[in-house]
């Protein structure tokens, strides 16, 4: 997934699940169902300007 021009990887274990991303001053915190699954350092301080998410359904 991409946040503020930075790619965040969380792993295939969480494919198809809804995750929450907390944007903090120095890092991004990714949680799923209340458990923290990854922590990514922010490379740049680009602002988060869009708050939309797309759920990609598998093609049948």
PDB file of N, CA and C in Angstrom:
ATOM      1  N   UNK A   1       0.839  -1.164   0.000  1.00  0.00           N
ATOM      2  CA  UNK A   1       0.000   0.000   0.000  1.00  0.00           C
ATOM      3  C   UNK A   1       0.888   1.232   0.000  1.00  0.00           C
ATOM      4  N   UNK A   2       0.329   2.352  -0.388  1.00  0.00           N
ATOM      5  CA  UNK A   2       1.084   3.604  -0.456  1.00  0.00           C
ATOM      6  C   UNK A   2       0.461   4.629   0.485  1.00  0.00           C
ATOM      7  N   UNK A   3       1.313   5.309   1.243  1.00  0.00           N
ATOM      8  CA  UNK A   3       0.883   6.401   2.116  1.00  0.00           C
ATOM      9  C   UNK A   3       1.913   7.509   1.983  1.00  0.00           C
ATOM     10  N   UNK A   4       1.464   8.704   1.636  1.00  0.00           N
ATOM     11  CA  UNK A   4       2.334   9.877   1.506  1.00  0.00           C
ATOM     12  C   UNK A   4       3.549   9.582   0.630  1.00  0.00           C
ATOM     13  N   UNK A   5       3.299   8.973  -0.531  1.00  0.00           N
ATOM     14  CA  UNK A   5       4.335   8.646  -1.518  1.00  0.00           C
ATOM     15  C   UNK A   5       5.342   7.613  -1.033  1.00  0.00           C
ATOM     16  N   UNK A   6       4.996   6.843  -0.028  1.00  0.00           N
ATOM     17  CA  UNK A   6       5.896   5.818   0.500  1.00  0.00           C
ATOM     18  C   UNK A   6       5.176   4.476   0.527  1.00  0.00           C
ATOM     19  N   UNK A   7       5.850   3.446   0.037  1.00  0.00           N
ATOM     20  CA  UNK A   7       5.261   2.105  -0.004  1.00  0.00           C
ATOM     21  C   UNK A   7       5.431   1.430   1.357  1.00  0.00           C
ATOM     22  N   UNK A   8       4.329   0.899   1.882  1.00  0.00           N
ATOM     23  CA  UNK A   8       4.346   0.165   3.141  1.00  0.00           C
ATOM     24  C   UNK A   8       3.990  -1.283   2.842  1.00  0.00           C
ATOM     25  N   UNK A   9       4.790  -2.201   3.321  1.00  0.00           N
ATOM     26  CA  UNK A   9       4.524  -3.626   3.106  1.00  0.00           C
ATOM     27  C   UNK A   9       4.138  -4.264   4.436  1.00  0.00           C
ATOM     28  N   UNK A  10       3.050  -5.037   4.393  1.00  0.00           N
ATOM     29  CA  UNK A  10       2.588  -5.678   5.625  1.00  0.00           C
ATOM     30  C   UNK A  10       2.576  -7.189   5.525  1.00  0.00           C
ATOM     31  N   UNK A  11       2.743  -7.735   4.338  1.00  0.00           N
ATOM     32  CA  UNK A  11       2.809  -9.188   4.193  1.00  0.00           C
ATOM     33  C   UNK A  11       1.528  -9.803   3.693  1.00  0.00           C
ATOM     34  N   UNK A  12       1.664 -10.984   3.135  1.00  0.00           N
ATOM     35  CA  UNK A  12       0.517 -11.695   2.566  1.00  0.00           C
ATOM     36  C   UNK A  12      -0.446 -12.217   3.619  1.00  0.00           C
ATOM     37  N   UNK A  13       0.010 -12.332   4.832  1.00  0.00           N
ATOM     38  CA  UNK A  13      -0.848 -12.822   5.909  1.00  0.00           C
ATOM     39  C   UNK A  13      -2.084 -11.947   6.068  1.00  0.00           C
ATOM     40  N   UNK A  14      -1.954 -10.666   5.775  1.00  0.00           N
ATOM     41  CA  UNK A  14      -3.040  -9.711   5.980  1.00  0.00           C
ATOM     42  C   UNK A  14      -3.737  -9.327   4.682  1.00  0.00           C
ATOM     43  N   UNK A  15      -3.515 -10.071   3.609  1.00  0.00           N
ATOM     44  CA  UNK A  15      -4.183  -9.799   2.332  1.00  0.00           C
ATOM     45  C   UNK A  15      -5.685  -9.967   2.488  1.00  0.00           C
ATOM     46  N   UNK A  16      -6.446  -8.987   2.017  1.00  0.00           N
ATOM     47  CA  UNK A  16      -7.901  -9.039   2.099  1.00  0.00           C
ATOM     48  C   UNK A  16      -8.477  -8.573   3.414  1.00  0.00           C
ATOM     49  N   UNK A  17      -7.641  -8.219   4.367  1.00  0.00           N
ATOM     50  CA  UNK A  17      -8.116  -7.740   5.661  1.00  0.00           C
ATOM     51  C   UNK A  17      -8.040  -6.224   5.708  1.00  0.00           C
ATOM     52  N   UNK A  18      -8.815  -5.629   6.585  1.00  0.00           N
ATOM     53  CA  UNK A  18      -8.800  -4.183   6.754  1.00  0.00           C
ATOM     54  C   UNK A  18      -7.784  -3.827   7.830  1.00  0.00           C
ATOM     55  N   UNK A  19      -6.844  -2.939   7.473  1.00  0.00           N
ATOM     56  CA  UNK A  19      -5.829  -2.487   8.419  1.00  0.00           C
ATOM     57  C   UNK A  19      -6.010  -0.997   8.668  1.00  0.00           C
ATOM     58  N   UNK A  20      -5.477  -0.532   9.788  1.00  0.00           N
ATOM     59  CA  UNK A  20      -5.508   0.878  10.143  1.00  0.00           C
ATOM     60  C   UNK A  20      -4.076   1.383  10.154  1.00  0.00           C
ATOM     61  N   UNK A  21      -3.853   2.546   9.546  1.00  0.00           N
ATOM     62  CA  UNK A  21      -2.515   3.136   9.503  1.00  0.00           C
ATOM     63  C   UNK A  21      -2.548   4.433  10.293  1.00  0.00           C
ATOM     64  N   UNK A  22      -1.703   4.513  11.312  1.00  0.00           N
ATOM     65  CA  UNK A  22      -1.564   5.720  12.106  1.00  0.00           C
ATOM     66  C   UNK A  22      -0.377   6.502  11.576  1.00  0.00           C
ATOM     67  N   UNK A  23      -0.613   7.750  11.165  1.00  0.00           N
ATOM     68  CA  UNK A  23       0.436   8.609  10.636  1.00  0.00           C
ATOM     69  C   UNK A  23       0.956   9.457  11.785  1.00  0.00           C
ATOM     70  N   UNK A  24       2.216   9.263  12.133  1.00  0.00           N
ATOM     71  CA  UNK A  24       2.834  10.013  13.220  1.00  0.00           C
ATOM     72  C   UNK A  24       3.992  10.830  12.657  1.00  0.00           C
ATOM     73  N   UNK A  25       4.619  11.645  13.474  1.00  0.00           N
ATOM     74  CA  UNK A  25       5.665  12.550  12.997  1.00  0.00           C
ATOM     75  C   UNK A  25       6.841  11.826  12.358  1.00  0.00           C
ATOM     76  N   UNK A  26       7.270  10.720  12.918  1.00  0.00           N
ATOM     77  CA  UNK A  26       8.492  10.063  12.441  1.00  0.00           C
ATOM     78  C   UNK A  26       8.266   8.677  11.858  1.00  0.00           C
ATOM     79  N   UNK A  27       7.049   8.147  11.960  1.00  0.00           N
ATOM     80  CA  UNK A  27       6.816   6.802  11.446  1.00  0.00           C
ATOM     81  C   UNK A  27       5.333   6.551  11.149  1.00  0.00           C
ATOM     82  N   UNK A  28       5.083   5.441  10.450  1.00  0.00           N
ATOM     83  CA  UNK A  28       3.733   4.945  10.194  1.00  0.00           C
ATOM     84  C   UNK A  28       3.556   3.671  11.006  1.00  0.00           C
ATOM     85  N   UNK A  29       2.460   3.574  11.726  1.00  0.00           N
ATOM     86  CA  UNK A  29       2.158   2.393  12.533  1.00  0.00           C
ATOM     87  C   UNK A  29       0.960   1.689  11.903  1.00  0.00           C
ATOM     88  N   UNK A  30       1.105   0.415  11.547  1.00  0.00           N
ATOM     89  CA  UNK A  30       0.045  -0.350  10.883  1.00  0.00           C
ATOM     90  C   UNK A  30      -0.501  -1.358  11.876  1.00  0.00           C
ATOM     91  N   UNK A  31      -1.827  -1.340  12.072  1.00  0.00           N
ATOM     92  CA  UNK A  31      -2.465  -2.274  12.996  1.00  0.00           C
ATOM     93  C   UNK A  31      -3.593  -3.017  12.285  1.00  0.00           C
ATOM     94  N   UNK A  32      -3.885  -4.190  12.796  1.00  0.00           N
ATOM     95  CA  UNK A  32      -4.996  -4.990  12.288  1.00  0.00           C
ATOM     96  C   UNK A  32      -5.706  -5.592  13.499  1.00  0.00           C
ATOM     97  N   UNK A  33      -6.978  -5.267  13.641  1.00  0.00           N
ATOM     98  CA  UNK A  33      -7.788  -5.746  14.761  1.00  0.00           C
ATOM     99  C   UNK A  33      -7.153  -5.423  16.109  1.00  0.00           C
ATOM    100  N   UNK A  34      -6.560  -4.237  16.225  1.00  0.00           N
ATOM    101  CA  UNK A  34      -5.989  -3.785  17.481  1.00  0.00           C
ATOM    102  C   UNK A  34      -4.562  -4.212  17.747  1.00  0.00           C
ATOM    103  N   UNK A  35      -4.007  -5.114  16.954  1.00  0.00           N
ATOM    104  CA  UNK A  35      -2.629  -5.577  17.145  1.00  0.00           C
ATOM    105  C   UNK A  35      -1.713  -4.884  16.146  1.00  0.00           C
ATOM    106  N   UNK A  36      -0.585  -4.393  16.627  1.00  0.00           N
ATOM    107  CA  UNK A  36       0.377  -3.745  15.747  1.00  0.00           C
ATOM    108  C   UNK A  36       1.089  -4.800  14.907  1.00  0.00           C
ATOM    109  N   UNK A  37       1.070  -4.610  13.587  1.00  0.00           N
ATOM    110  CA  UNK A  37       1.691  -5.605  12.714  1.00  0.00           C
ATOM    111  C   UNK A  37       2.958  -5.102  12.059  1.00  0.00           C
ATOM    112  N   UNK A  38       3.135  -3.786  11.937  1.00  0.00           N
ATOM    113  CA  UNK A  38       4.390  -3.274  11.395  1.00  0.00           C
ATOM    114  C   UNK A  38       4.570  -1.812  11.772  1.00  0.00           C
ATOM    115  N   UNK A  39       5.827  -1.390  11.716  1.00  0.00           N
ATOM    116  CA  UNK A  39       6.207  -0.014  12.021  1.00  0.00           C
ATOM    117  C   UNK A  39       7.202   0.406  10.960  1.00  0.00           C
ATOM    118  N   UNK A  40       6.904   1.487  10.243  1.00  0.00           N
ATOM    119  CA  UNK A  40       7.752   1.951   9.146  1.00  0.00           C
ATOM    120  C   UNK A  40       8.210   3.370   9.433  1.00  0.00           C
ATOM    121  N   UNK A  41       9.505   3.629   9.292  1.00  0.00           N
ATOM    122  CA  UNK A  41      10.022   4.985   9.455  1.00  0.00           C
ATOM    123  C   UNK A  41       9.583   5.833   8.275  1.00  0.00           C
ATOM    124  N   UNK A  42       9.264   7.104   8.528  1.00  0.00           N
ATOM    125  CA  UNK A  42       8.896   8.020   7.447  1.00  0.00           C
ATOM    126  C   UNK A  42      10.171   8.507   6.783  1.00  0.00           C
ATOM    127  N   UNK A  43      10.235   8.355   5.460  1.00  0.00           N
ATOM    128  CA  UNK A  43      11.415   8.791   4.719  1.00  0.00           C
ATOM    129  C   UNK A  43      11.360  10.280   4.416  1.00  0.00           C
ATOM    130  N   UNK A  44      10.176  10.789   4.119  1.00  0.00           N
ATOM    131  CA  UNK A  44       9.973  12.202   3.829  1.00  0.00           C
ATOM    132  C   UNK A  44       8.799  12.700   4.656  1.00  0.00           C
ATOM    133  N   UNK A  45       8.649  13.988   4.703  1.00  0.00           N
ATOM    134  CA  UNK A  45       7.541  14.568   5.463  1.00  0.00           C
ATOM    135  C   UNK A  45       6.423  15.053   4.541  1.00  0.00           C
ATOM    136  N   UNK A  46       6.139  14.295   3.459  1.00  0.00           N
ATOM    137  CA  UNK A  46       5.026  14.653   2.582  1.00  0.00           C
ATOM    138  C   UNK A  46       3.730  14.564   3.371  1.00  0.00           C
ATOM    139  N   UNK A  47       2.864  15.552   3.220  1.00  0.00           N
ATOM    140  CA  UNK A  47       1.598  15.498   3.957  1.00  0.00           C
ATOM    141  C   UNK A  47       0.650  14.458   3.366  1.00  0.00           C
ATOM    142  N   UNK A  48      -0.208  13.922   4.207  1.00  0.00           N
ATOM    143  CA  UNK A  48      -1.251  13.001   3.755  1.00  0.00           C
ATOM    144  C   UNK A  48      -2.428  13.876   3.353  1.00  0.00           C
ATOM    145  N   UNK A  49      -2.760  13.867   2.049  1.00  0.00           N
ATOM    146  CA  UNK A  49      -3.792  14.773   1.547  1.00  0.00           C
ATOM    147  C   UNK A  49      -5.068  14.062   1.161  1.00  0.00           C
ATOM    148  N   UNK A  50      -5.031  12.747   0.962  1.00  0.00           N
ATOM    149  CA  UNK A  50      -6.226  11.977   0.606  1.00  0.00           C
ATOM    150  C   UNK A  50      -6.495  10.955   1.694  1.00  0.00           C
ATOM    151  N   UNK A  51      -7.769  10.797   2.013  1.00  0.00           N
ATOM    152  CA  UNK A  51      -8.149   9.870   3.074  1.00  0.00           C
ATOM    153  C   UNK A  51      -9.011   8.745   2.536  1.00  0.00           C
ATOM    154  N   UNK A  52      -8.833   8.376   1.262  1.00  0.00           N
ATOM    155  CA  UNK A  52      -9.634   7.323   0.661  1.00  0.00           C
ATOM    156  C   UNK A  52      -8.854   6.034   0.616  1.00  0.00           C
ATOM    157  N   UNK A  53      -9.563   4.952   0.656  1.00  0.00           N
ATOM    158  CA  UNK A  53      -8.954   3.632   0.530  1.00  0.00           C
ATOM    159  C   UNK A  53      -9.764   2.832  -0.473  1.00  0.00           C
ATOM    160  N   UNK A  54      -9.079   2.022  -1.237  1.00  0.00           N
ATOM    161  CA  UNK A  54      -9.763   1.169  -2.208  1.00  0.00           C
ATOM    162  C   UNK A  54      -9.640  -0.263  -1.776  1.00  0.00           C
ATOM    163  N   UNK A  55     -10.737  -0.975  -1.848  1.00  0.00           N
ATOM    164  CA  UNK A  55     -10.721  -2.411  -1.562  1.00  0.00           C
ATOM    165  C   UNK A  55     -10.799  -3.111  -2.915  1.00  0.00           C
ATOM    166  N   UNK A  56      -9.749  -3.816  -3.237  1.00  0.00           N
ATOM    167  CA  UNK A  56      -9.688  -4.496  -4.522  1.00  0.00           C
ATOM    168  C   UNK A  56     -10.287  -5.886  -4.374  1.00  0.00           C
ATOM    169  N   UNK A  57     -11.379  -6.110  -5.071  1.00  0.00           N
ATOM    170  CA  UNK A  57     -12.033  -7.422  -5.051  1.00  0.00           C
ATOM    171  C   UNK A  57     -11.342  -8.329  -6.056  1.00  0.00           C
ATOM    172  N   UNK A  58     -11.223  -9.593  -5.754  1.00  0.00           N
ATOM    173  CA  UNK A  58     -10.599 -10.510  -6.710  1.00  0.00           C
ATOM    174  C   UNK A  58     -11.435 -10.607  -7.983  1.00  0.00           C
ATOM    175  N   UNK A  59     -10.751 -10.718  -9.122  1.00  0.00           N
ATOM    176  CA  UNK A  59     -11.444 -10.847 -10.404  1.00  0.00           C
ATOM    177  C   UNK A  59     -11.963 -12.263 -10.564  1.00  0.00           C
ATOM    178  N   UNK A  60     -13.197 -12.376 -10.971  1.00  0.00           N
ATOM    179  CA  UNK A  60     -13.817 -13.687 -11.154  1.00  0.00           C
ATOM    180  C   UNK A  60     -13.750 -14.137 -12.583  1.00  0.00           C
TER     181      UNK A  60
END
